[in-house]
Protein backbone atom coordinates (compact mmCIF):
# COMPACT_ATOMS: atom_id res chain seq x y z
CA MET A 1 26.70 0.65 -11.23
CA ILE A 2 26.65 2.92 -13.95
CA ARG A 3 24.38 2.54 -17.55
CA VAL A 4 24.55 3.90 -20.18
CA TYR A 5 22.58 4.04 -23.77
CA LEU A 6 24.09 6.60 -26.38
CA PHE A 7 21.73 6.98 -29.36
CA ASP A 8 23.33 8.54 -32.45
CA ARG A 9 20.33 10.56 -34.61
CA LYS A 10 22.17 10.62 -37.75
CA ALA A 11 23.78 7.22 -37.63
CA GLY A 12 20.51 5.61 -36.00
CA VAL A 13 22.13 3.54 -34.08
CA GLY A 14 22.69 2.67 -30.49
CA GLN A 15 25.07 1.17 -27.80
CA TRP A 16 25.47 0.13 -24.62
CA GLY A 17 28.40 1.80 -22.47
CA GLY A 18 29.57 2.51 -19.01
CA PRO A 19 30.45 6.22 -18.09
CA ASP A 20 33.73 5.81 -20.24
CA LEU A 21 30.96 6.30 -23.54
CA LEU A 22 29.62 9.70 -22.04
CA PRO A 23 29.42 12.51 -23.99
CA PRO A 24 31.76 15.05 -22.73
CA LEU A 25 29.78 17.73 -22.42
CA PRO A 26 26.14 16.20 -23.02
CA ALA A 27 24.16 20.29 -23.45
CA ASN A 28 26.29 20.53 -26.21
CA SER A 29 25.85 17.30 -28.21
CA PRO A 30 21.91 17.70 -30.31
CA ASP A 31 23.07 14.54 -32.66
CA HIS A 32 22.68 12.29 -29.50
CA VAL A 33 20.84 11.71 -27.02
CA VAL A 34 22.22 10.06 -23.91
CA TRP A 35 20.46 7.51 -20.56
CA VAL A 36 22.07 7.34 -18.08
CA ASP A 37 20.85 4.85 -15.26
CA ALA A 38 22.13 5.11 -12.64
CA LEU A 39 21.70 1.98 -9.80
CA ASN A 40 23.13 2.44 -6.19
CA PRO A 41 25.63 4.74 -6.87
CA SER A 42 29.11 4.86 -5.18
CA ALA A 43 30.42 7.77 -3.65
CA GLU A 44 32.86 8.14 -6.37
CA GLU A 45 30.10 7.89 -9.49
CA ASP A 46 27.62 10.31 -7.60
CA ASP A 47 30.71 12.77 -8.17
CA PHE A 48 31.66 12.01 -11.24
CA LEU A 49 27.64 12.04 -12.42
CA PHE A 50 26.36 15.14 -10.23
CA ASN A 51 29.97 16.92 -9.74
CA ARG A 52 31.76 17.01 -13.35
CA TRP A 53 29.68 15.79 -15.71
CA PHE A 54 26.06 17.03 -15.21
CA PRO A 55 26.07 19.79 -12.22
CA VAL A 56 23.12 19.57 -11.04
CA HIS A 57 21.34 22.49 -8.51
CA THR A 58 22.14 21.50 -4.18
CA LEU A 59 18.75 20.94 -2.88
CA THR A 60 17.89 18.05 -6.33
CA HIS A 61 21.34 17.02 -5.34
CA GLU A 62 20.14 16.03 -1.48
CA ASP A 63 17.01 14.74 -3.18
CA ILE A 64 18.50 12.54 -5.07
CA CYS A 65 20.92 11.09 -2.47
CA ARG A 66 18.01 11.30 0.12
CA PRO A 67 17.84 7.50 0.28
CA ALA A 68 20.96 7.11 0.62
CA ARG A 69 21.38 9.65 3.30
CA MET A 70 18.71 8.19 5.06
CA PRO A 71 17.68 5.04 4.64
CA GLU A 72 15.33 4.50 7.62
CA GLN A 73 13.38 7.41 6.52
CA SER A 74 11.13 6.75 3.32
CA PRO A 75 11.06 7.88 0.19
CA HIS A 76 10.78 11.52 -1.00
CA LEU A 77 7.08 12.26 -2.24
CA PRO A 78 6.66 11.87 -5.66
CA LYS A 79 7.03 15.95 -6.89
CA VAL A 80 8.43 17.81 -10.30
CA GLU A 81 10.47 20.94 -10.33
CA GLU A 82 12.09 22.99 -13.49
CA PHE A 83 15.41 24.34 -13.48
CA SER A 84 17.05 26.68 -15.72
CA ASP A 85 18.66 24.03 -18.04
CA TYR A 86 17.05 20.91 -16.65
CA LEU A 87 13.24 19.01 -15.67
CA PHE A 88 13.95 16.94 -11.94
CA VAL A 89 11.22 14.69 -11.25
CA ILE A 90 10.77 12.20 -8.16
CA THR A 91 8.26 9.08 -8.66
CA ASN A 92 7.69 6.15 -6.11
CA PRO A 93 7.67 2.95 -7.75
CA VAL A 94 6.35 0.01 -6.11
CA LEU A 95 8.99 -2.40 -5.13
CA SER A 96 8.40 -6.35 -6.65
CA GLY A 97 7.99 -8.69 -3.60
CA LYS A 98 7.13 -6.53 -0.52
CA ILE A 99 3.11 -7.01 -1.60
CA ASP A 100 2.65 -9.41 0.91
CA ALA A 101 4.88 -7.67 3.53
CA PRO A 102 3.25 -6.80 6.31
CA GLY A 103 3.11 -3.07 7.16
CA ALA A 104 2.21 -0.43 5.01
CA LEU A 105 3.58 -0.38 1.53
CA GLU A 106 6.80 0.03 0.85
CA ALA A 107 8.24 1.69 -1.92
CA GLY A 108 11.74 3.01 -3.52
CA GLN A 109 12.15 7.01 -4.84
CA LEU A 110 13.58 7.13 -9.13
CA SER A 111 15.07 10.30 -9.52
CA ALA A 112 15.24 11.67 -13.00
CA VAL A 113 17.07 15.17 -14.54
CA LEU A 114 16.10 15.57 -17.96
CA THR A 115 17.09 18.15 -20.89
CA ARG A 116 16.52 17.94 -24.60
CA GLN A 117 19.55 15.40 -25.07
CA VAL A 118 20.20 13.72 -21.28
CA LEU A 119 18.17 11.30 -19.62
CA LEU A 120 19.45 10.56 -15.86
CA THR A 121 17.59 8.46 -14.18
CA VAL A 122 18.84 7.49 -10.43
CA HIS A 123 18.00 4.49 -7.79
CA TYR A 124 18.69 2.90 -4.93
CA CYS A 125 17.04 -0.49 -5.27
CA ASP A 126 16.48 -2.95 -8.14
CA LEU A 127 13.02 -1.54 -10.78
CA GLU A 128 11.60 -4.41 -12.57
CA GLY A 129 10.06 -0.93 -14.75
CA ILE A 130 13.74 0.55 -15.42
CA GLU A 131 14.74 -3.78 -16.70
CA GLU A 132 11.93 -3.57 -18.72
CA VAL A 133 12.28 -0.42 -20.49
CA MET A 134 16.12 -1.00 -21.10
CA GLY A 135 14.89 -4.79 -22.42
CA GLN A 136 13.01 -2.84 -25.19
CA LEU A 137 16.04 -0.44 -26.15
CA HIS A 138 18.30 -3.40 -26.78
CA ARG A 139 15.39 -4.71 -29.54
CA HIS A 140 14.36 -1.50 -30.63
CA GLY A 141 17.17 1.01 -29.86
CA GLU A 142 15.15 3.29 -32.63
CA LEU A 143 12.82 4.27 -29.31
CA ALA A 144 15.71 6.55 -28.39
CA GLN A 145 15.42 8.85 -31.33
CA ARG A 146 11.96 10.58 -30.21
CA GLY A 147 14.06 11.84 -27.34
CA PRO A 148 14.99 11.62 -23.24
CA ASP A 149 11.40 12.65 -22.92
CA TYR A 150 9.61 9.67 -24.87
CA LEU A 151 12.58 6.88 -23.18
CA PHE A 152 11.23 9.25 -19.82
CA HIS A 153 7.16 8.36 -20.39
CA LEU A 154 8.38 4.48 -20.88
CA VAL A 155 9.93 4.25 -17.50
CA LEU A 156 6.88 6.26 -16.09
CA ASP A 157 4.89 3.53 -17.90
CA ALA A 158 6.48 1.13 -17.13
CA THR A 159 7.09 2.06 -13.74
CA VAL A 160 2.86 2.50 -12.82
CA ASP A 161 2.31 0.00 -14.54
CA ALA A 162 3.84 -2.28 -11.57
CA TYR A 163 1.66 -0.87 -9.42
CA VAL A 164 -1.42 -3.23 -11.41
CA PRO A 165 0.03 -6.77 -9.45
CA LEU A 166 -0.43 -4.69 -6.43
CA LEU A 167 -3.97 -3.27 -6.86
CA GLU A 168 -5.07 -6.88 -7.41
CA THR A 169 -3.48 -8.39 -4.76
CA ILE A 170 -5.62 -6.19 -2.71
CA GLU A 171 -8.60 -6.60 -4.43
CA ASN A 172 -8.38 -10.12 -4.16
CA LYS A 173 -7.46 -10.03 -0.53
CA LEU A 174 -10.38 -8.13 0.67
CA ASP A 175 -12.40 -10.57 -1.34
CA ASP A 176 -11.18 -13.05 0.87
CA ILE A 177 -11.29 -11.84 4.09
CA GLU A 178 -14.72 -11.02 2.89
CA GLN A 179 -15.38 -14.01 2.32
CA THR A 180 -13.96 -15.77 5.75
CA LEU A 181 -15.07 -12.59 7.83
CA PHE A 182 -17.59 -14.47 9.86
CA HIS A 183 -15.46 -17.51 9.94
CA SER A 184 -12.26 -15.98 11.37
CA ARG A 185 -11.27 -15.46 14.00
CA ALA A 186 -11.58 -12.00 15.36
CA CYS A 187 -7.83 -10.51 16.35
CA ILE A 188 -6.92 -12.75 12.58
CA VAL A 189 -9.62 -11.04 10.96
CA LEU A 190 -8.76 -7.64 12.90
CA ASP A 191 -4.74 -7.95 12.09
CA GLN A 192 -5.46 -8.14 8.10
CA LEU A 193 -8.15 -5.78 7.33
CA LEU A 194 -5.32 -2.59 9.32
CA GLY A 195 -2.73 -4.41 7.59
CA TRP A 196 -3.81 -4.25 4.79
CA LYS A 197 -5.28 -0.36 5.17
CA ARG A 198 -2.21 0.61 5.84
CA LYS A 199 -1.04 -0.52 1.84
CA ILE A 200 -3.65 1.72 0.87
CA VAL A 201 -3.56 4.27 2.86
CA SER A 202 0.75 4.43 2.07
CA LEU A 203 -0.35 3.64 -1.85
CA ARG A 204 -3.21 5.88 -1.96
CA LYS A 205 -0.90 8.75 -1.60
CA THR A 206 1.67 7.82 -3.39
CA VAL A 207 -0.54 7.64 -6.68
CA LEU A 208 -2.07 10.64 -5.46
CA HIS A 209 1.35 12.48 -5.49
CA GLU A 210 2.26 11.06 -8.88
CA ARG A 211 -1.48 11.65 -10.21
CA GLU A 212 -0.66 15.68 -9.93
CA VAL A 213 3.34 15.22 -11.21
CA LEU A 214 1.87 14.19 -14.27
CA HIS A 215 -0.80 16.69 -14.66
CA ARG A 216 1.77 18.67 -14.25
CA MET A 217 3.75 17.70 -17.15
CA VAL A 218 0.23 16.68 -19.19
CA ARG A 219 -0.89 20.69 -19.06
CA GLY A 220 2.26 21.70 -20.91
CA GLU A 221 3.70 22.81 -18.47
CA PHE A 222 7.57 22.70 -18.84
CA LYS A 223 9.45 23.10 -22.08
CA LEU A 224 11.28 20.31 -21.78
CA ILE A 225 8.10 17.95 -22.61
CA GLU A 226 7.63 18.46 -26.07
CA SER A 227 3.57 19.08 -27.08
CA ARG A 228 4.30 15.49 -29.76
CA GLU A 229 5.04 13.80 -26.01
CA VAL A 230 2.47 15.12 -24.46
CA ALA A 231 -0.23 12.38 -24.97
CA TYR A 232 1.53 9.96 -24.02
CA TYR A 233 2.18 11.08 -20.80
CA ARG A 234 -1.69 11.93 -21.05
CA ASP A 235 -2.06 7.76 -21.01
CA VAL A 236 0.11 7.61 -17.49
CA SER A 237 -2.01 10.11 -16.00
CA ASP A 238 -5.44 8.94 -17.05
CA HIS A 239 -3.75 5.28 -15.41
CA LEU A 240 -2.68 6.75 -12.35
CA PHE A 241 -6.74 8.58 -12.73
CA ARG A 242 -8.23 4.94 -12.59
CA PHE A 243 -5.76 3.15 -10.09
CA ALA A 244 -6.86 5.94 -7.60
CA GLU A 245 -10.86 5.12 -8.08
CA MET A 246 -9.36 1.42 -7.85
CA LEU A 247 -7.18 2.36 -4.31
CA GLU A 248 -10.85 4.83 -3.18
CA THR A 249 -13.10 1.70 -4.29
CA SER A 250 -10.51 -1.00 -1.37
CA ARG A 251 -10.54 2.21 1.22
CA GLU A 252 -13.93 2.20 1.17
CA MET A 253 -14.11 -1.56 1.07
CA VAL A 254 -11.85 -2.08 3.65
CA SER A 255 -13.58 0.62 6.37
CA ASP A 256 -17.38 -1.27 5.76
CA LEU A 257 -15.40 -4.73 6.31
CA LEU A 258 -14.21 -2.77 9.33
CA GLN A 259 -17.17 -2.00 10.50
CA ASN A 260 -18.53 -5.36 10.10
CA HIS A 261 -15.96 -6.70 11.48
CA LEU A 262 -16.43 -4.49 15.25
CA ALA A 263 -20.83 -5.02 14.52
CA HIS A 264 -19.73 -8.88 14.60
CA ALA A 265 -17.94 -8.84 16.92
CA SER A 266 -20.42 -6.72 19.40
CA HIS A 267 -23.06 -9.10 17.97
CA ARG A 268 -21.32 -12.46 19.42
CA LEU A 269 -20.17 -10.37 22.46
CA ASN A 270 -24.37 -10.01 23.08
CA GLU A 271 -24.86 -13.30 22.68
CA VAL A 272 -21.76 -14.07 24.86
CA MET A 273 -23.60 -12.08 27.27
CA LYS A 274 -27.65 -13.03 27.20
CA VAL A 275 -26.33 -16.99 27.46
CA LEU A 276 -24.43 -16.12 30.85
CA THR A 277 -26.68 -13.30 32.29
CA ALA A 278 -29.42 -16.04 30.95
CA VAL A 279 -27.87 -18.77 33.30
CA SER A 280 -27.23 -16.39 36.37
CA THR A 281 -30.82 -15.38 36.36
CA ILE A 282 -31.53 -19.47 36.10
CA ILE A 283 -29.63 -20.62 39.15
CA LEU A 284 -30.33 -17.03 41.01
CA PRO A 285 -33.69 -18.56 42.59
CA MET A 286 -32.07 -21.52 43.20
CA SER A 287 -29.49 -20.09 44.99
CA LEU A 288 -32.35 -18.59 47.05
CA ILE A 289 -34.17 -21.56 47.78
CA SER A 290 -30.65 -23.81 48.71
CA GLY A 291 -29.90 -20.06 50.61
CA ILE A 292 -33.50 -20.04 52.79
CA TYR A 293 -32.65 -23.98 53.59
CA GLY A 294 -28.96 -23.43 54.39
CA MET A 295 -29.81 -20.49 57.34
CA ASN A 296 -29.51 -22.09 60.92
CA PHE A 297 -32.17 -21.74 62.68
CA GLN A 298 -33.93 -24.62 65.08
CA GLN A 299 -37.46 -23.38 64.00
CA MET A 300 -37.62 -24.66 60.23
CA PRO A 301 -40.96 -27.45 59.70
CA GLU A 302 -38.64 -29.15 57.10
CA LEU A 303 -35.19 -29.52 58.78
CA HIS A 304 -37.13 -32.66 60.33
CA TRP A 305 -39.51 -33.90 57.43
CA SER A 306 -37.91 -37.42 55.73
CA LEU A 307 -39.55 -35.49 52.34
CA GLY A 308 -37.54 -31.92 52.88
CA TYR A 309 -34.85 -32.85 50.89
CA PRO A 310 -36.22 -34.09 47.80
CA MET A 311 -38.95 -31.05 48.69
CA ALA A 312 -35.97 -28.39 48.56
CA LEU A 313 -34.54 -30.44 44.95
CA PHE A 314 -38.12 -30.25 43.07
CA LEU A 315 -38.34 -26.64 44.66
CA MET A 316 -35.11 -25.47 42.66
CA ILE A 317 -35.34 -27.40 39.82
CA GLY A 318 -38.90 -26.39 39.07
CA ALA A 319 -38.19 -22.67 39.17
CA GLY A 320 -34.97 -22.95 37.28
CA THR A 321 -37.14 -25.33 34.84
CA ILE A 322 -40.24 -22.45 34.68
CA THR A 323 -37.28 -19.30 34.59
CA TYR A 324 -35.92 -21.18 31.30
CA TRP A 325 -39.68 -22.15 30.23
CA PHE A 326 -40.65 -18.16 30.68
CA TYR A 327 -36.98 -16.91 28.53
CA ARG A 328 -37.82 -19.90 25.64
CA SER A 329 -41.14 -18.06 25.52
CA ARG A 330 -40.03 -15.04 25.13
CA GLY A 331 -37.95 -15.50 22.71
CA TRP A 332 -34.24 -14.89 24.10
CA LEU A 333 -33.34 -17.39 24.13
């Protein structure tokens, strides 16, 4: 599905439509700002956008179509590349509804092509950030007056802010695990910690790559990002820097919880082994006595003594009691 927002800078008005709304030559339309959003484009729509309406480099097209070509693989990592007539950017927004799913974090791929008059975004899954920016344009269409680089800042800001619920969820989950660390079953706690560790590592890798992309954009490295918009991109970069610090703190917390969990499990194992060893040691003298009186020798005075059996039981109980008292006095039990 292709959605188009065409803003007329002279008239100060914009309109929504489909591909039929697109100007024939976007590079020669300085009076218009065009935002084309392609959601899960079909083969025909892909051919129209990147072969007929706005031809792009072959490598760019391959990166854009990666989710459709290789759906079983992870999306392309964030990056930014400058070509002669456009700027190409890839980011990895978090998919909504995947926060509590097991395993590594599931992220999508948002590809953007940016020129002086055109912002072209392509994604193969629903993104709340895109819908949020479209809602802003429905209410305040004049936002497009500043150009495609400002619209792209709005998209980046909305998709980056989508990390906030995930970061809060991670912190809350880790706090809950910390409170119940010594009261839950070991296998459940270990599975939860490893699951959240995978999410944190996956999200941290994405945030670090996106932070590098934003860092290059705020340095004035690309001519298609005007100097007046750099401050807005710097604000998004600051958010990513803060998120990276939060993720590093969460990663350290997971490592500490794993160490505490393993130490607690080792302590519990030692306690169990200590009790079992103590029980075995207490029974050992009893087994010795029963073994002695279980030997088949005729010349044993106690065999024909009427008090032999009670004496043997008394010796067993006495030996076990003395051993138990000795362990208690030494603090071993």
